[in-house]
Amino acid sequence: MPIALLKFPIDLLRDIFKLCDPFELYKLSKCSKSTQRTIMLGGRKNWKLRYFDSNKVVIYVDALIYSFEKADKPEEFFITQHIARNNSYMLTRNYIQPRDDFKQDKVMSIQCPDVDVELFGNLLGSFGIRIVDKLKIDFSCFEHFSKIAKLLIEMNIEIKEFCVEEAETRLVIDAVNYMSLINKMNITLKFECQQRFLRRYNYQLDKYPNRITINWSFWFNIEQLLNNSSARIKLWKSKLSNQYINMFFEKWKKAGSFPNLRYLLIDSIKIDNCYVLRIRHSGRLKEYE
């Protein structure tokens, strides 16, 4: 028998929504726009949300893992299941970083009718989530990434960790446009770029989170290094030469320069003898072949 949920007193609805898990709230949010808005009576959620591809969004709630997956066909909509221990490990290994206490976690999945970025946006809006714990994408489709980026920018969402996975270089023809969107996103803890960009463009990272790791950093020039405010920087496959490294250390030696910097690693083919230069928070410089 249907229940006129929205006719309940507001205080009662607030208590009901506070007791609901993510799957229950998600299914309620699909009933109507009014129900979706009413769900916010339960308050904003501090759940950890991680997004790794267009078909899956993962939410952590204490020791529980909720996996929202795009259904292949309508008859699968809203089907939920507990994932077996071995399958859960594969899910965790591929989509979530392994945890030492994994044996205590319970993994559940639900098949969703939402398509592409719609699922991601609906979960952010319905649960009032303001922080994305991890976001991992690749640059093979600019249209897909631009939808994600514009959504996060418009909602002013904080992204703690942002990772650009590697795709075929020839597919990454819009990388300059990607960077302009990345510079508008609120990435706070970590930026990691595994992608190798085309060399015929100039790429500029304007905002610096706490940690930066760039696997193909030939585009990361001395101006970006000198203006950097990160605590940890790792630049692999760099083209910074001894001259540029000296420019950095001349500024670094001045009092008040790079107050946040605790670790710097530069792997460059332009440094004599192909040394890797590394500086730790102790202030000592080390060289590694």
Protein backbone atom coordinates (compact mmCIF):
# COMPACT_ATOMS: atom_id res chain seq x y z
CA MET A 1 0.00 0.00 0.00
CA PRO A 2 1.54 3.38 -1.02
CA ILE A 3 2.47 5.76 1.78
CA ALA A 4 2.05 9.54 1.40
CA LEU A 5 5.52 10.16 2.77
CA LEU A 6 5.56 13.90 2.11
CA LYS A 7 2.47 14.38 4.28
CA PHE A 8 4.41 13.29 7.38
CA PRO A 9 5.45 16.03 9.85
CA ILE A 10 8.79 17.60 8.98
CA ASP A 11 10.40 16.52 12.26
CA LEU A 12 9.37 12.92 11.62
CA LEU A 13 10.69 13.03 8.05
CA ARG A 14 13.98 14.43 9.31
CA ASP A 15 14.36 11.51 11.73
CA ILE A 16 13.40 8.97 9.06
CA PHE A 17 15.93 10.27 6.53
CA LYS A 18 18.70 10.31 9.13
CA LEU A 19 18.21 6.55 9.58
CA CYS A 20 18.26 5.74 5.85
CA ASP A 21 21.33 4.30 4.14
CA PRO A 22 22.57 5.66 0.77
CA PHE A 23 20.64 3.10 -1.29
CA GLU A 24 17.36 3.87 0.49
CA LEU A 25 17.83 7.61 0.06
CA TYR A 26 18.78 7.17 -3.59
CA LYS A 27 15.66 5.15 -4.37
CA LEU A 28 13.51 7.72 -2.58
CA SER A 29 15.14 10.51 -4.57
CA LYS A 30 14.02 8.86 -7.82
CA CYS A 31 10.35 8.98 -6.80
CA SER A 32 9.87 12.68 -7.57
CA LYS A 33 11.62 16.04 -7.52
CA SER A 34 9.70 16.93 -4.36
CA THR A 35 10.95 13.81 -2.60
CA GLN A 36 14.49 14.50 -3.77
CA ARG A 37 14.41 17.99 -2.24
CA THR A 38 12.81 16.71 0.97
CA ILE A 39 15.64 14.22 1.53
CA MET A 40 17.87 17.14 2.49
CA LEU A 41 15.84 17.40 5.72
CA GLY A 42 18.11 14.62 6.98
CA GLY A 43 21.05 17.01 6.72
CA ARG A 44 24.13 17.07 4.54
CA LYS A 45 26.13 13.86 4.49
CA ASN A 46 29.84 13.68 5.25
CA TRP A 47 30.15 10.42 3.35
CA LYS A 48 33.27 9.78 1.27
CA LEU A 49 32.35 9.81 -2.41
CA ARG A 50 34.73 8.49 -5.07
CA TYR A 51 34.18 8.64 -8.81
CA PHE A 52 36.38 6.62 -11.17
CA ASP A 53 34.44 6.18 -14.41
CA SER A 54 31.10 7.01 -16.03
CA ASN A 55 29.54 3.73 -14.89
CA LYS A 56 30.32 3.66 -11.18
CA VAL A 57 30.25 5.90 -8.11
CA VAL A 58 31.42 4.55 -4.75
CA ILE A 59 30.40 5.91 -1.34
CA TYR A 60 32.05 5.01 1.98
CA VAL A 61 29.93 5.10 5.13
CA ASP A 62 32.06 3.98 8.07
CA ALA A 63 32.93 0.32 7.33
CA LEU A 64 30.33 0.00 4.57
CA ILE A 65 30.98 0.46 0.85
CA TYR A 66 28.06 1.36 -1.42
CA SER A 67 28.70 0.94 -5.14
CA PHE A 68 26.29 2.73 -7.51
CA GLU A 69 26.52 1.17 -10.96
CA LYS A 70 24.82 1.97 -14.25
CA ALA A 71 22.31 -0.78 -15.14
CA ASP A 72 22.62 -2.45 -18.55
CA LYS A 73 18.88 -2.87 -19.03
CA PRO A 74 15.65 -1.53 -17.43
CA GLU A 75 14.71 -4.79 -15.73
CA GLU A 76 17.86 -4.45 -13.60
CA PHE A 77 16.96 -1.02 -12.21
CA PHE A 78 17.38 -0.76 -8.40
CA ILE A 79 18.53 -4.38 -7.98
CA THR A 80 20.83 -4.52 -4.96
CA GLN A 81 23.25 -7.21 -3.91
CA HIS A 82 26.04 -7.97 -1.50
CA ILE A 83 29.28 -8.54 -3.37
CA ALA A 84 31.19 -11.72 -2.51
CA ARG A 85 34.44 -11.39 -0.58
CA ASN A 86 36.68 -12.17 -3.56
CA ASN A 87 34.70 -9.89 -5.90
CA SER A 88 34.79 -7.18 -3.26
CA TYR A 89 38.56 -7.40 -3.24
CA MET A 90 38.64 -6.91 -7.01
CA LEU A 91 36.31 -3.93 -6.66
CA THR A 92 38.51 -2.48 -3.96
CA ARG A 93 41.70 -3.13 -5.85
CA ASN A 94 40.49 -1.58 -9.09
CA TYR A 95 38.29 1.24 -7.91
CA ILE A 96 39.25 1.92 -4.31
CA GLN A 97 42.63 1.84 -2.67
CA PRO A 98 43.14 -1.36 -0.64
CA ARG A 99 42.62 -1.00 3.08
CA ASP A 100 44.33 -2.90 5.88
CA ASP A 101 40.97 -3.44 7.59
CA PHE A 102 39.23 -4.58 4.41
CA LYS A 103 38.01 -7.81 6.00
CA GLN A 104 35.76 -5.66 8.20
CA ASP A 105 34.20 -3.85 5.23
CA LYS A 106 30.91 -4.85 3.65
CA VAL A 107 30.40 -4.09 -0.03
CA MET A 108 26.97 -3.64 -1.60
CA SER A 109 25.96 -2.60 -5.11
CA ILE A 110 22.85 -1.16 -6.72
CA GLN A 111 21.94 -0.97 -10.42
CA CYS A 112 20.97 2.59 -11.36
CA PRO A 113 18.87 4.02 -14.22
CA ASP A 114 20.97 7.18 -14.41
CA VAL A 115 23.32 7.58 -17.34
CA ASP A 116 26.83 9.01 -17.57
CA VAL A 117 27.46 12.05 -15.35
CA GLU A 118 23.78 12.21 -14.30
CA LEU A 119 24.37 9.59 -11.59
CA PHE A 120 27.32 11.51 -10.16
CA GLY A 121 25.40 14.79 -10.10
CA ASN A 122 22.26 13.25 -8.59
CA LEU A 123 24.20 11.73 -5.70
CA LEU A 124 25.99 14.99 -4.95
CA GLY A 125 22.73 16.94 -5.01
CA SER A 126 20.49 14.44 -3.22
CA PHE A 127 22.92 13.83 -0.35
CA GLY A 128 24.23 17.38 -0.09
CA ILE A 129 27.81 16.15 -0.43
CA ARG A 130 30.25 19.08 -0.69
CA ILE A 131 33.52 17.13 -0.84
CA VAL A 132 34.58 14.47 -3.36
CA ASP A 133 37.19 12.25 -1.73
CA LYS A 134 38.72 11.02 -5.00
CA LEU A 135 38.10 11.72 -8.67
CA LYS A 136 39.88 9.69 -11.34
CA ILE A 137 39.32 10.26 -15.06
CA ASP A 138 41.15 10.09 -18.39
CA PHE A 139 41.33 12.59 -21.24
CA SER A 140 40.05 10.34 -24.03
CA CYS A 141 36.68 12.15 -24.21
CA PHE A 142 36.61 15.90 -23.63
CA GLU A 143 32.81 16.08 -23.68
CA HIS A 144 32.56 13.60 -20.80
CA PHE A 145 35.21 15.36 -18.71
CA SER A 146 33.78 18.82 -19.39
CA LYS A 147 30.40 17.70 -18.01
CA ILE A 148 32.04 16.46 -14.81
CA ALA A 149 34.22 19.54 -14.42
CA LYS A 150 31.42 22.04 -15.06
CA LEU A 151 29.19 20.22 -12.57
CA LEU A 152 31.86 20.39 -9.86
CA ILE A 153 32.66 24.02 -10.64
CA GLU A 154 29.01 25.14 -10.62
CA MET A 155 28.33 23.32 -7.34
CA ASN A 156 31.60 24.59 -5.82
CA ILE A 157 32.58 21.05 -4.81
CA GLU A 158 35.95 20.42 -3.14
CA ILE A 159 37.96 17.58 -4.73
CA LYS A 160 40.52 16.20 -2.31
CA GLU A 161 42.38 13.98 -4.79
CA PHE A 162 42.25 14.31 -8.58
CA CYS A 163 44.00 11.83 -10.87
CA VAL A 164 44.33 11.94 -14.66
CA GLU A 165 44.87 8.38 -15.87
CA GLU A 166 46.83 7.62 -19.02
CA ALA A 167 45.05 7.28 -22.35
CA GLU A 168 46.54 7.00 -25.83
CA THR A 169 48.39 10.24 -26.51
CA ARG A 170 46.85 10.62 -29.96
CA LEU A 171 43.40 10.73 -28.36
CA VAL A 172 44.31 13.63 -26.10
CA ILE A 173 43.91 16.41 -28.64
CA ASP A 174 42.01 18.79 -26.35
CA ALA A 175 44.45 18.78 -23.44
CA VAL A 176 44.77 22.58 -23.44
CA ASN A 177 41.00 22.83 -22.93
CA TYR A 178 41.21 20.23 -20.15
CA MET A 179 43.77 22.31 -18.28
CA SER A 180 41.60 25.44 -18.37
CA LEU A 181 38.82 23.49 -16.64
CA ILE A 182 41.17 21.86 -14.13
CA ASN A 183 42.40 25.31 -13.09
CA LYS A 184 38.80 26.26 -12.22
CA MET A 185 38.25 23.15 -10.09
CA ASN A 186 38.81 23.23 -6.33
CA ILE A 187 41.47 20.51 -5.95
CA THR A 188 42.91 20.72 -2.44
CA LEU A 189 44.97 17.68 -1.42
CA LYS A 190 46.52 15.98 -4.45
CA PHE A 191 46.87 16.40 -8.22
CA GLU A 192 48.31 13.42 -10.09
CA CYS A 193 48.74 13.37 -13.86
CA GLN A 194 49.77 10.12 -15.55
CA GLN A 195 48.89 11.38 -19.04
CA ARG A 196 51.49 12.17 -21.68
CA PHE A 197 50.41 15.33 -23.49
CA LEU A 198 51.15 16.36 -27.05
CA ARG A 199 54.24 18.57 -27.14
CA ARG A 200 52.98 21.19 -29.57
CA TYR A 201 50.93 23.04 -26.94
CA ASN A 202 51.76 25.00 -23.81
CA TYR A 203 50.08 23.69 -20.67
CA GLN A 204 49.70 25.70 -17.50
CA LEU A 205 48.70 24.58 -14.01
CA ASP A 206 47.61 27.71 -12.13
CA LYS A 207 46.38 26.28 -8.82
CA TYR A 208 48.52 24.08 -6.62
CA PRO A 209 47.09 21.55 -4.15
CA ASN A 210 49.11 20.15 -1.25
CA ARG A 211 50.73 17.40 -3.35
CA ILE A 212 51.59 17.22 -7.05
CA THR A 213 52.81 14.20 -9.03
CA ILE A 214 53.29 14.46 -12.81
CA ASN A 215 54.59 11.43 -14.72
CA TRP A 216 55.31 13.29 -17.99
CA SER A 217 56.22 16.74 -16.73
CA PHE A 218 58.03 18.22 -19.75
CA TRP A 219 55.28 20.87 -19.86
CA PHE A 220 55.76 21.91 -16.23
CA ASN A 221 58.16 24.83 -16.69
CA ILE A 222 60.35 26.80 -14.31
CA GLU A 223 57.73 29.56 -13.87
CA GLN A 224 55.25 27.02 -12.53
CA LEU A 225 57.87 25.58 -10.19
CA LEU A 226 58.92 28.99 -8.87
CA ASN A 227 55.30 29.99 -8.21
CA ASN A 228 54.34 26.67 -6.65
CA SER A 229 52.88 26.53 -3.13
CA SER A 230 52.62 22.74 -2.73
CA ALA A 231 54.17 20.75 0.12
CA ARG A 232 55.23 17.75 -2.00
CA ILE A 233 56.21 17.86 -5.68
CA LYS A 234 57.26 14.95 -7.90
CA LEU A 235 58.17 15.72 -11.51
CA TRP A 236 59.06 12.75 -13.71
CA LYS A 237 60.33 12.99 -17.32
CA SER A 238 61.00 16.68 -16.80
CA LYS A 239 62.92 18.98 -19.17
CA LEU A 240 64.18 21.32 -16.47
CA SER A 241 67.92 21.88 -16.89
CA ASN A 242 70.68 22.59 -14.39
CA GLN A 243 70.22 26.30 -15.07
CA TYR A 244 66.55 26.17 -14.08
CA ILE A 245 67.27 24.01 -11.05
CA ASN A 246 69.81 26.60 -9.91
CA MET A 247 67.20 29.32 -10.35
CA PHE A 248 64.88 27.36 -8.07
CA PHE A 249 67.50 26.86 -5.37
CA GLU A 250 68.53 30.52 -5.47
CA LYS A 251 64.95 31.43 -4.60
CA TRP A 252 64.58 28.51 -2.17
CA LYS A 253 67.56 29.73 -0.10
CA LYS A 254 65.86 33.07 0.54
CA ALA A 255 64.00 33.34 3.84
CA GLY A 256 60.27 32.93 3.47
CA SER A 257 60.40 31.29 0.05
CA PHE A 258 58.40 28.09 -0.44
CA PRO A 259 57.15 27.98 3.18
CA ASN A 260 55.01 24.89 2.50
CA LEU A 261 57.57 22.82 0.59
CA ARG A 262 58.67 19.65 2.38
CA TYR A 263 59.65 17.37 -0.49
CA LEU A 264 60.80 17.91 -4.08
CA LEU A 265 61.81 15.28 -6.62
CA ILE A 266 62.80 16.12 -10.21
CA ASP A 267 63.68 13.45 -12.74
CA SER A 268 65.02 15.28 -15.81
CA ILE A 269 66.90 14.29 -18.95
CA LYS A 270 68.32 17.83 -19.05
CA ILE A 271 70.15 17.55 -15.73
CA ASP A 272 73.83 16.61 -16.10
CA ASN A 273 74.52 12.89 -15.65
CA CYS A 274 70.74 12.29 -15.62
CA TYR A 275 70.58 12.81 -11.90
CA VAL A 276 67.35 12.94 -9.99
CA LEU A 277 67.43 15.88 -7.60
CA ARG A 278 65.57 15.44 -4.37
CA ILE A 279 65.14 17.77 -1.45
CA ARG A 280 63.56 16.75 1.84
CA HIS A 281 62.06 18.83 4.61
CA SER A 282 65.39 18.72 6.48
CA GLY A 283 66.79 21.05 3.85
CA ARG A 284 69.37 18.58 2.55
CA LEU A 285 69.78 18.04 -1.18
CA LYS A 286 70.31 14.51 -2.44
CA GLU A 287 71.25 13.31 -5.91
CA TYR A 288 70.23 9.96 -7.36
CA GLU A 289 71.39 8.48 -10.65
